[in-house]
Amino acid sequence: MFRIKKINLNPNYEIGQKVDSLNGVIVYYNGGVGNVDGRQLTKDGYNLGLKYQCVEFVKRYYYEELNHKMPDSYGNAKDFYNSEIKDGNINRQRNLNQFTNPSNSRPKANDLVIYSGSILNRYGHVSIISKVTENEIEIVQQNPGPFADSREKYTLLNDDGKWRINNDRILGWLRK
């Protein structure tokens, strides 16, 4: 099964092809979610992650757009979220405020959304909120799979003052 993930099943795109962008930061196509094409480093040596993976995009976005370097520049997507940190407190590994799903804080544009692992992807996933409306968020993601879109929308609910992104895999969000 691992070999199948390395094959580009979608003939409409080539690995490394630009498929989208957020505020000028490019989203690249990765083929199968398990494809790895080397490590991406900045000119000053900061580790952005494995090329075309979801982590590489969000870290590159935070580095280029928000001038942010994470103290711990390694780890899988699901590891960006620390379940021991209370809602709204600082996640020191990432030097970002962490919010639980649900949270007292409403999600905002540029927040990182952290997803748990799954049977098909034990490493989890991470995306960036590009837009928030009254009852919905839009995310931008890299490496969602060979046929998935780089943008998705999720319902945003407010239950008794708690904001919840309606997706059972979403652990929470991080904010600069």
N, C-alpha and C. Protein backbone atom coordinates (compact mmCIF):
# COMPACT_ATOMS: atom_id res chain seq x y z
N MET A 1 0.83 -1.20 0.00
CA MET A 1 0.00 0.00 0.00
C MET A 1 0.86 1.26 0.00
N PHE A 2 2.01 1.25 0.70
CA PHE A 2 2.86 2.42 0.75
C PHE A 2 3.33 2.81 -0.65
N ARG A 3 3.59 1.83 -1.50
CA ARG A 3 4.03 2.11 -2.86
C ARG A 3 2.95 2.83 -3.66
N ILE A 4 1.71 2.46 -3.45
CA ILE A 4 0.60 3.10 -4.16
C ILE A 4 0.56 4.59 -3.83
N LYS A 5 0.82 4.96 -2.59
CA LYS A 5 0.78 6.37 -2.20
C LYS A 5 1.87 7.17 -2.92
N LYS A 6 2.95 6.53 -3.34
CA LYS A 6 4.05 7.23 -3.99
C LYS A 6 3.80 7.48 -5.48
N ILE A 7 2.80 6.83 -6.05
CA ILE A 7 2.49 6.97 -7.46
C ILE A 7 1.58 8.19 -7.65
N ASN A 8 1.83 8.94 -8.71
CA ASN A 8 0.95 10.05 -9.05
C ASN A 8 -0.24 9.50 -9.82
N LEU A 9 -1.38 9.40 -9.16
CA LEU A 9 -2.57 8.81 -9.76
C LEU A 9 -3.37 9.80 -10.60
N ASN A 10 -3.06 11.08 -10.50
CA ASN A 10 -3.83 12.11 -11.21
C ASN A 10 -3.00 12.66 -12.38
N PRO A 11 -3.33 12.26 -13.61
CA PRO A 11 -2.55 12.69 -14.78
C PRO A 11 -2.72 14.18 -15.12
N ASN A 12 -3.64 14.86 -14.45
CA ASN A 12 -3.86 16.29 -14.73
C ASN A 12 -2.80 17.19 -14.13
N TYR A 13 -1.98 16.65 -13.20
CA TYR A 13 -0.97 17.46 -12.53
C TYR A 13 0.36 16.71 -12.46
N GLU A 14 1.43 17.48 -12.37
CA GLU A 14 2.76 16.92 -12.13
C GLU A 14 3.18 17.29 -10.72
N ILE A 15 3.91 16.42 -10.07
CA ILE A 15 4.41 16.71 -8.72
C ILE A 15 5.26 17.97 -8.78
N GLY A 16 4.98 18.89 -7.87
CA GLY A 16 5.68 20.17 -7.83
C GLY A 16 5.00 21.27 -8.64
N GLN A 17 3.89 20.96 -9.29
CA GLN A 17 3.16 21.95 -10.08
C GLN A 17 2.37 22.88 -9.15
N LYS A 18 2.35 24.17 -9.48
CA LYS A 18 1.56 25.14 -8.73
C LYS A 18 0.08 24.87 -8.96
N VAL A 19 -0.69 24.76 -7.85
CA VAL A 19 -2.13 24.52 -7.96
C VAL A 19 -2.97 25.64 -7.33
N ASP A 20 -2.33 26.49 -6.50
CA ASP A 20 -3.08 27.53 -5.81
C ASP A 20 -2.05 28.44 -5.14
N SER A 21 -2.53 29.48 -4.49
CA SER A 21 -1.67 30.32 -3.65
C SER A 21 -2.54 31.04 -2.63
N LEU A 22 -1.90 31.44 -1.55
CA LEU A 22 -2.55 32.23 -0.51
C LEU A 22 -1.64 33.40 -0.20
N ASN A 23 -2.12 34.61 -0.46
CA ASN A 23 -1.34 35.83 -0.26
C ASN A 23 0.04 35.73 -0.92
N GLY A 24 0.08 35.14 -2.10
CA GLY A 24 1.31 35.04 -2.87
C GLY A 24 2.18 33.85 -2.53
N VAL A 25 1.83 33.07 -1.52
CA VAL A 25 2.60 31.88 -1.15
C VAL A 25 1.98 30.69 -1.90
N ILE A 26 2.80 30.03 -2.71
CA ILE A 26 2.32 29.00 -3.63
C ILE A 26 2.00 27.68 -2.92
N VAL A 27 0.93 27.05 -3.38
CA VAL A 27 0.54 25.70 -2.98
C VAL A 27 0.93 24.78 -4.14
N TYR A 28 1.71 23.73 -3.84
CA TYR A 28 2.18 22.80 -4.86
C TYR A 28 1.44 21.47 -4.78
N TYR A 29 1.35 20.81 -5.93
CA TYR A 29 0.75 19.48 -6.02
C TYR A 29 1.79 18.45 -5.57
N ASN A 30 1.33 17.44 -4.79
CA ASN A 30 2.26 16.44 -4.28
C ASN A 30 1.99 15.02 -4.75
N GLY A 31 0.95 14.79 -5.52
CA GLY A 31 0.63 13.40 -5.90
C GLY A 31 0.02 12.69 -4.71
N GLY A 32 0.47 11.46 -4.43
CA GLY A 32 -0.01 10.71 -3.27
C GLY A 32 0.46 11.36 -1.98
N VAL A 33 -0.35 11.25 -0.93
CA VAL A 33 -0.02 11.94 0.32
C VAL A 33 1.32 11.50 0.91
N GLY A 34 1.78 10.30 0.57
CA GLY A 34 3.05 9.81 1.12
C GLY A 34 4.27 10.19 0.31
N ASN A 35 4.10 10.90 -0.80
CA ASN A 35 5.25 11.26 -1.63
C ASN A 35 6.16 12.24 -0.90
N VAL A 36 7.45 11.98 -0.95
CA VAL A 36 8.44 12.86 -0.33
C VAL A 36 9.48 13.21 -1.38
N ASP A 37 9.81 14.50 -1.48
CA ASP A 37 10.73 14.96 -2.52
C ASP A 37 11.85 15.80 -1.91
N GLY A 38 12.44 15.35 -0.82
CA GLY A 38 13.53 16.08 -0.19
C GLY A 38 13.06 17.11 0.81
N ARG A 39 13.99 17.63 1.59
CA ARG A 39 13.69 18.61 2.63
C ARG A 39 13.86 20.02 2.09
N GLN A 40 12.97 20.91 2.49
CA GLN A 40 13.00 22.31 2.07
C GLN A 40 13.56 23.16 3.21
N LEU A 41 14.66 23.87 2.94
CA LEU A 41 15.27 24.77 3.92
C LEU A 41 15.26 26.19 3.36
N THR A 42 15.18 27.18 4.26
CA THR A 42 15.29 28.57 3.83
C THR A 42 16.76 28.91 3.66
N LYS A 43 17.04 30.09 3.10
CA LYS A 43 18.43 30.51 2.90
C LYS A 43 19.19 30.62 4.21
N ASP A 44 18.47 30.92 5.30
CA ASP A 44 19.13 31.03 6.61
C ASP A 44 19.15 29.70 7.37
N GLY A 45 18.77 28.60 6.69
CA GLY A 45 18.87 27.27 7.28
C GLY A 45 17.67 26.79 8.07
N TYR A 46 16.59 27.56 8.12
CA TYR A 46 15.40 27.15 8.85
C TYR A 46 14.70 26.02 8.10
N ASN A 47 14.32 24.98 8.82
CA ASN A 47 13.68 23.81 8.25
C ASN A 47 12.19 24.07 8.01
N LEU A 48 11.78 24.04 6.74
CA LEU A 48 10.37 24.19 6.41
C LEU A 48 9.66 22.84 6.35
N GLY A 49 10.40 21.77 6.16
CA GLY A 49 9.80 20.45 6.11
C GLY A 49 10.05 19.75 4.79
N LEU A 50 9.38 18.64 4.60
CA LEU A 50 9.52 17.84 3.39
C LEU A 50 8.74 18.48 2.25
N LYS A 51 9.39 18.64 1.10
CA LYS A 51 8.79 19.33 -0.05
C LYS A 51 7.41 18.78 -0.38
N TYR A 52 6.49 19.71 -0.59
CA TYR A 52 5.14 19.47 -1.07
C TYR A 52 4.22 18.79 -0.06
N GLN A 53 4.71 18.59 1.16
CA GLN A 53 3.85 18.07 2.23
C GLN A 53 3.07 19.24 2.84
N CYS A 54 2.01 18.94 3.59
CA CYS A 54 1.18 19.98 4.20
C CYS A 54 1.97 20.84 5.18
N VAL A 55 2.84 20.21 5.97
CA VAL A 55 3.64 20.95 6.96
C VAL A 55 4.55 21.96 6.27
N GLU A 56 5.14 21.57 5.16
CA GLU A 56 6.05 22.48 4.43
C GLU A 56 5.30 23.73 3.98
N PHE A 57 4.08 23.59 3.49
CA PHE A 57 3.32 24.76 3.05
C PHE A 57 3.00 25.70 4.20
N VAL A 58 2.47 25.18 5.31
CA VAL A 58 2.06 26.08 6.40
C VAL A 58 3.27 26.76 7.04
N LYS A 59 4.38 26.04 7.14
CA LYS A 59 5.58 26.66 7.72
C LYS A 59 6.18 27.69 6.76
N ARG A 60 6.14 27.38 5.47
CA ARG A 60 6.63 28.34 4.47
C ARG A 60 5.75 29.58 4.47
N TYR A 61 4.43 29.40 4.59
CA TYR A 61 3.50 30.53 4.65
C TYR A 61 3.79 31.39 5.88
N TYR A 62 3.91 30.76 7.04
CA TYR A 62 4.18 31.52 8.26
C TYR A 62 5.53 32.22 8.20
N TYR A 63 6.51 31.61 7.59
CA TYR A 63 7.85 32.21 7.45
C TYR A 63 7.81 33.39 6.49
N GLU A 64 7.21 33.21 5.31
CA GLU A 64 7.22 34.25 4.28
C GLU A 64 6.19 35.34 4.54
N GLU A 65 5.00 34.98 4.94
CA GLU A 65 3.91 35.95 5.07
C GLU A 65 3.85 36.59 6.46
N LEU A 66 4.15 35.81 7.51
CA LEU A 66 4.00 36.30 8.88
C LEU A 66 5.33 36.46 9.62
N ASN A 67 6.45 36.21 8.92
CA ASN A 67 7.78 36.37 9.51
C ASN A 67 7.91 35.58 10.82
N HIS A 68 7.48 34.32 10.78
CA HIS A 68 7.45 33.48 11.98
C HIS A 68 8.26 32.20 11.79
N LYS A 69 9.15 31.94 12.74
CA LYS A 69 9.88 30.67 12.79
C LYS A 69 9.44 29.93 14.04
N MET A 70 9.16 28.66 13.89
CA MET A 70 8.76 27.84 15.03
C MET A 70 10.00 27.35 15.75
N PRO A 71 10.04 27.46 17.09
CA PRO A 71 11.20 26.98 17.84
C PRO A 71 11.52 25.51 17.56
N ASP A 72 10.50 24.67 17.47
CA ASP A 72 10.67 23.27 17.10
C ASP A 72 10.24 23.17 15.64
N SER A 73 11.21 23.08 14.74
CA SER A 73 10.89 23.11 13.31
C SER A 73 10.63 21.71 12.74
N TYR A 74 10.54 20.70 13.58
CA TYR A 74 10.29 19.34 13.11
C TYR A 74 8.96 18.83 13.65
N GLY A 75 8.52 17.70 13.15
CA GLY A 75 7.30 17.06 13.64
C GLY A 75 6.27 16.87 12.55
N ASN A 76 5.42 15.88 12.77
CA ASN A 76 4.32 15.60 11.86
C ASN A 76 3.20 16.60 12.09
N ALA A 77 2.29 16.68 11.14
CA ALA A 77 1.20 17.65 11.21
C ALA A 77 0.42 17.54 12.52
N LYS A 78 0.01 16.34 12.89
CA LYS A 78 -0.81 16.17 14.10
C LYS A 78 -0.06 16.60 15.36
N ASP A 79 1.28 16.58 15.31
CA ASP A 79 2.11 16.95 16.47
C ASP A 79 2.18 18.45 16.69
N PHE A 80 1.66 19.25 15.77
CA PHE A 80 1.60 20.69 15.99
C PHE A 80 0.66 21.02 17.14
N TYR A 81 -0.30 20.14 17.39
CA TYR A 81 -1.28 20.33 18.46
C TYR A 81 -0.83 19.54 19.69
N ASN A 82 -0.83 20.19 20.84
CA ASN A 82 -0.45 19.55 22.10
C ASN A 82 -1.69 19.48 22.98
N SER A 83 -2.21 18.28 23.20
CA SER A 83 -3.47 18.10 23.94
C SER A 83 -3.35 18.50 25.41
N GLU A 84 -2.15 18.70 25.92
CA GLU A 84 -1.97 19.10 27.32
C GLU A 84 -2.09 20.61 27.52
N ILE A 85 -2.13 21.37 26.45
CA ILE A 85 -2.23 22.83 26.53
C ILE A 85 -3.69 23.24 26.56
N LYS A 86 -4.04 24.07 27.52
CA LYS A 86 -5.42 24.54 27.66
C LYS A 86 -5.76 25.58 26.60
N ASP A 87 -7.04 25.68 26.31
CA ASP A 87 -7.57 26.59 25.29
C ASP A 87 -7.05 28.01 25.50
N GLY A 88 -6.43 28.55 24.45
CA GLY A 88 -5.95 29.93 24.46
C GLY A 88 -4.54 30.12 24.99
N ASN A 89 -3.91 29.08 25.51
CA ASN A 89 -2.55 29.19 26.04
C ASN A 89 -1.51 29.02 24.94
N ILE A 90 -0.28 29.39 25.26
CA ILE A 90 0.81 29.35 24.28
C ILE A 90 1.32 27.92 24.10
N ASN A 91 1.52 27.56 22.85
CA ASN A 91 2.18 26.31 22.48
C ASN A 91 3.63 26.69 22.24
N ARG A 92 4.50 26.42 23.20
CA ARG A 92 5.90 26.88 23.14
C ARG A 92 6.70 26.21 22.03
N GLN A 93 6.35 24.98 21.67
CA GLN A 93 7.05 24.30 20.57
C GLN A 93 6.88 25.07 19.26
N ARG A 94 5.74 25.69 19.09
CA ARG A 94 5.42 26.41 17.84
C ARG A 94 5.43 27.93 18.03
N ASN A 95 5.52 28.39 19.28
CA ASN A 95 5.46 29.81 19.63
C ASN A 95 4.19 30.45 19.05
N LEU A 96 3.08 29.75 19.25
CA LEU A 96 1.77 30.20 18.78
C LEU A 96 0.74 29.92 19.86
N ASN A 97 -0.32 30.71 19.90
CA ASN A 97 -1.43 30.43 20.81
C ASN A 97 -2.22 29.25 20.26
N GLN A 98 -2.62 28.37 21.15
CA GLN A 98 -3.33 27.17 20.75
C GLN A 98 -4.78 27.20 21.26
N PHE A 99 -5.69 26.80 20.39
CA PHE A 99 -7.12 26.78 20.71
C PHE A 99 -7.67 25.39 20.45
N THR A 100 -8.53 24.93 21.34
CA THR A 100 -9.14 23.62 21.20
C THR A 100 -10.35 23.70 20.27
N ASN A 101 -10.78 22.59 19.75
CA ASN A 101 -12.01 22.53 18.95
C ASN A 101 -13.02 21.70 19.72
N PRO A 102 -14.00 22.34 20.42
CA PRO A 102 -14.41 23.74 20.38
C PRO A 102 -13.56 24.63 21.30
N SER A 103 -13.69 25.95 21.05
CA SER A 103 -12.90 26.94 21.77
C SER A 103 -13.74 28.16 22.14
N ASN A 104 -13.25 28.90 23.14
CA ASN A 104 -13.85 30.19 23.47
C ASN A 104 -13.52 31.24 22.40
N SER A 105 -12.46 31.00 21.62
CA SER A 105 -12.00 31.95 20.60
C SER A 105 -12.46 31.52 19.21
N ARG A 106 -13.03 32.46 18.50
CA ARG A 106 -13.48 32.22 17.13
C ARG A 106 -12.26 32.10 16.22
N PRO A 107 -12.24 31.12 15.30
CA PRO A 107 -11.11 31.02 14.36
C PRO A 107 -10.98 32.29 13.52
N LYS A 108 -9.74 32.57 13.09
CA LYS A 108 -9.44 33.75 12.28
C LYS A 108 -8.64 33.35 11.05
N ALA A 109 -8.65 34.22 10.05
CA ALA A 109 -7.80 34.01 8.88
C ALA A 109 -6.35 33.93 9.34
N ASN A 110 -5.58 33.08 8.71
CA ASN A 110 -4.17 32.78 8.98
C ASN A 110 -3.95 31.81 10.13
N ASP A 111 -5.00 31.39 10.83
CA ASP A 111 -4.83 30.35 11.85
C ASP A 111 -4.48 29.04 11.17
N LEU A 112 -3.64 28.24 11.82
CA LEU A 112 -3.34 26.89 11.36
C LEU A 112 -4.38 25.95 11.93
N VAL A 113 -4.93 25.07 11.13
CA VAL A 113 -5.91 24.08 11.57
C VAL A 113 -5.20 22.73 11.63
N ILE A 114 -5.28 22.06 12.79
CA ILE A 114 -4.58 20.81 13.01
C ILE A 114 -5.59 19.66 13.03
N TYR A 115 -5.30 18.61 12.26
CA TYR A 115 -6.17 17.44 12.13
C TYR A 115 -5.47 16.22 12.73
N SER A 116 -6.25 15.34 13.33
CA SER A 116 -5.71 14.09 13.87
C SER A 116 -5.30 13.17 12.73
N GLY A 117 -4.57 12.13 13.08
CA GLY A 117 -4.23 11.10 12.11
C GLY A 117 -5.46 10.27 11.77
N SER A 118 -5.34 9.47 10.72
CA SER A 118 -6.44 8.60 10.31
C SER A 118 -5.85 7.26 9.86
N ILE A 119 -6.69 6.35 9.50
CA ILE A 119 -6.23 5.04 9.04
C ILE A 119 -5.34 5.19 7.80
N LEU A 120 -5.72 6.08 6.90
CA LEU A 120 -4.96 6.26 5.66
C LEU A 120 -3.80 7.24 5.80
N ASN A 121 -3.81 8.04 6.88
CA ASN A 121 -2.75 9.04 7.07
C ASN A 121 -2.48 9.19 8.57
N ARG A 122 -1.56 8.43 9.09
CA ARG A 122 -1.28 8.44 10.53
C ARG A 122 -0.55 9.70 11.00
N TYR A 123 -0.06 10.50 10.07
CA TYR A 123 0.70 11.71 10.43
C TYR A 123 -0.17 12.93 10.67
N GLY A 124 -1.46 12.83 10.36
CA GLY A 124 -2.35 13.96 10.52
C GLY A 124 -2.26 14.91 9.34
N HIS A 125 -2.80 16.10 9.52
CA HIS A 125 -2.83 17.09 8.45
C HIS A 125 -2.86 18.47 9.09
N VAL A 126 -2.42 19.47 8.34
CA VAL A 126 -2.46 20.86 8.80
C VAL A 126 -2.77 21.74 7.60
N SER A 127 -3.61 22.75 7.83
CA SER A 127 -4.00 23.68 6.77
C SER A 127 -4.04 25.09 7.35
N ILE A 128 -4.35 26.06 6.52
CA ILE A 128 -4.43 27.46 6.94
C ILE A 128 -5.82 28.00 6.63
N ILE A 129 -6.39 28.72 7.58
CA ILE A 129 -7.69 29.36 7.33
C ILE A 129 -7.46 30.57 6.43
N SER A 130 -8.15 30.58 5.29
CA SER A 130 -8.02 31.69 4.35
C SER A 130 -9.16 32.69 4.48
N LYS A 131 -10.31 32.22 4.98
CA LYS A 131 -11.47 33.11 5.08
C LYS A 131 -12.40 32.60 6.19
N VAL A 132 -13.00 33.55 6.92
CA VAL A 132 -13.99 33.22 7.95
C VAL A 132 -15.22 34.08 7.68
N THR A 133 -16.39 33.42 7.62
CA THR A 133 -17.65 34.14 7.50
C THR A 133 -18.47 33.86 8.76
N GLU A 134 -19.70 34.28 8.75
CA GLU A 134 -20.56 34.11 9.93
C GLU A 134 -20.68 32.66 10.37
N ASN A 135 -20.80 31.74 9.40
CA ASN A 135 -21.03 30.34 9.77
C ASN A 135 -20.19 29.34 8.98
N GLU A 136 -19.01 29.81 8.51
CA GLU A 136 -18.18 28.93 7.69
C GLU A 136 -16.73 29.41 7.69
N ILE A 137 -15.81 28.46 7.54
CA ILE A 137 -14.42 28.81 7.29
C ILE A 137 -14.00 28.17 5.97
N GLU A 138 -13.03 28.80 5.31
CA GLU A 138 -12.39 28.21 4.15
C GLU A 138 -10.94 27.97 4.51
N ILE A 139 -10.44 26.79 4.16
CA ILE A 139 -9.03 26.48 4.40
C ILE A 139 -8.30 26.31 3.08
N VAL A 140 -6.99 26.55 3.12
CA VAL A 140 -6.10 26.26 2.00
C VAL A 140 -5.12 25.21 2.50
N GLN A 141 -4.87 24.21 1.65
CA GLN A 141 -4.03 23.09 2.06
C GLN A 141 -3.15 22.61 0.91
N GLN A 142 -2.03 22.06 1.29
CA GLN A 142 -1.14 21.39 0.35
C GLN A 142 -1.16 19.91 0.70
N ASN A 143 -1.13 19.07 -0.31
CA ASN A 143 -1.08 17.62 -0.13
C ASN A 143 -2.35 17.03 0.49
N PRO A 144 -3.53 17.39 -0.03
CA PRO A 144 -4.76 16.77 0.49
C PRO A 144 -5.05 15.41 -0.13
N GLY A 145 -4.24 15.00 -1.09
CA GLY A 145 -4.46 13.76 -1.84
C GLY A 145 -4.50 14.07 -3.32
N PRO A 146 -4.35 13.04 -4.16
CA PRO A 146 -4.20 13.28 -5.60
C PRO A 146 -5.41 13.89 -6.30
N PHE A 147 -6.60 13.74 -5.73
CA PHE A 147 -7.80 14.26 -6.40
C PHE A 147 -8.55 15.31 -5.58
N ALA A 148 -8.09 15.61 -4.39
CA ALA A 148 -8.76 16.58 -3.53
C ALA A 148 -8.37 18.01 -3.91
N ASP A 149 -9.22 18.96 -3.57
CA ASP A 149 -8.97 20.37 -3.86
C ASP A 149 -8.05 20.99 -2.82
N SER A 150 -7.37 22.05 -3.22
CA SER A 150 -6.51 22.79 -2.29
C SER A 150 -7.32 23.65 -1.33
N ARG A 151 -8.59 23.86 -1.62
CA ARG A 151 -9.47 24.64 -0.74
C ARG A 151 -10.69 23.81 -0.35
N GLU A 152 -11.06 23.94 0.92
CA GLU A 152 -12.26 23.28 1.44
C GLU A 152 -12.97 24.25 2.36
N LYS A 153 -14.26 24.03 2.54
CA LYS A 153 -15.05 24.84 3.47
C LYS A 153 -15.65 23.92 4.53
N TYR A 154 -15.69 24.44 5.76
CA TYR A 154 -16.29 23.71 6.88
C TYR A 154 -17.28 24.64 7.57
N THR A 155 -18.33 24.05 8.09
CA THR A 155 -19.31 24.80 8.86
C THR A 155 -18.69 25.23 10.18
N LEU A 156 -18.93 26.48 10.57
CA LEU A 156 -18.48 27.04 11.84
C LEU A 156 -19.71 27.22 12.73
N LEU A 157 -19.70 26.55 13.87
CA LEU A 157 -20.84 26.57 14.78
C LEU A 157 -20.49 27.32 16.06
N ASN A 158 -21.50 27.93 16.67
CA ASN A 158 -21.33 28.54 17.99
C ASN A 158 -22.38 27.92 18.90
N ASP A 159 -21.90 27.05 19.79
CA ASP A 159 -22.78 26.37 20.75
C ASP A 159 -22.49 26.90 22.15
N ASP A 160 -23.42 27.67 22.69
CA ASP A 160 -23.28 28.22 24.04
C ASP A 160 -21.96 28.97 24.24
N GLY A 161 -21.59 29.79 23.26
CA GLY A 161 -20.38 30.60 23.36
C GLY A 161 -19.09 29.90 22.98
N LYS A 162 -19.17 28.66 22.57
CA LYS A 162 -17.99 27.91 22.14
C LYS A 162 -18.02 27.76 20.62
N TRP A 163 -16.89 28.10 19.99
CA TRP A 163 -16.76 28.01 18.54
C TRP A 163 -16.22 26.63 18.18
N ARG A 164 -16.89 26.00 17.21
CA ARG A 164 -16.48 24.66 16.79
C ARG A 164 -16.48 24.58 15.27
N ILE A 165 -15.36 24.11 14.72
CA ILE A 165 -15.29 23.81 13.29
C ILE A 165 -15.85 22.40 13.14
N ASN A 166 -16.85 22.25 12.33
CA ASN A 166 -17.59 21.00 12.22
C ASN A 166 -16.85 19.97 11.35
N ASN A 167 -15.85 19.36 11.97
CA ASN A 167 -15.09 18.28 11.34
C ASN A 167 -14.47 17.49 12.48
N ASP A 168 -14.82 16.22 12.59
CA ASP A 168 -14.39 15.40 13.73
C ASP A 168 -12.89 15.19 13.81
N ARG A 169 -12.16 15.38 12.73
CA ARG A 169 -10.70 15.20 12.77
C ARG A 169 -9.95 16.45 13.23
N ILE A 170 -10.62 17.59 13.29
CA ILE A 170 -9.94 18.84 13.67
C ILE A 170 -9.76 18.87 15.19
N LEU A 171 -8.49 18.91 15.61
CA LEU A 171 -8.13 18.96 17.02
C LEU A 171 -8.24 20.38 17.57
N GLY A 172 -7.84 21.34 16.75
CA GLY A 172 -7.85 22.73 17.17
C GLY A 172 -7.11 23.59 16.16
N TRP A 173 -6.76 24.83 16.58
CA TRP A 173 -6.07 25.75 15.69
C TRP A 173 -5.01 26.52 16.46
N LEU A 174 -4.01 27.00 15.73
CA LEU A 174 -2.89 27.77 16.28
C LEU A 174 -2.89 29.15 15.64
N ARG A 175 -2.47 30.15 16.42
CA ARG A 175 -2.51 31.54 15.95
C ARG A 175 -1.27 32.30 16.39
N LYS A 176 -0.74 33.12 15.47
CA LYS A 176 0.37 34.01 15.82
C LYS A 176 -0.16 35.20 16.58
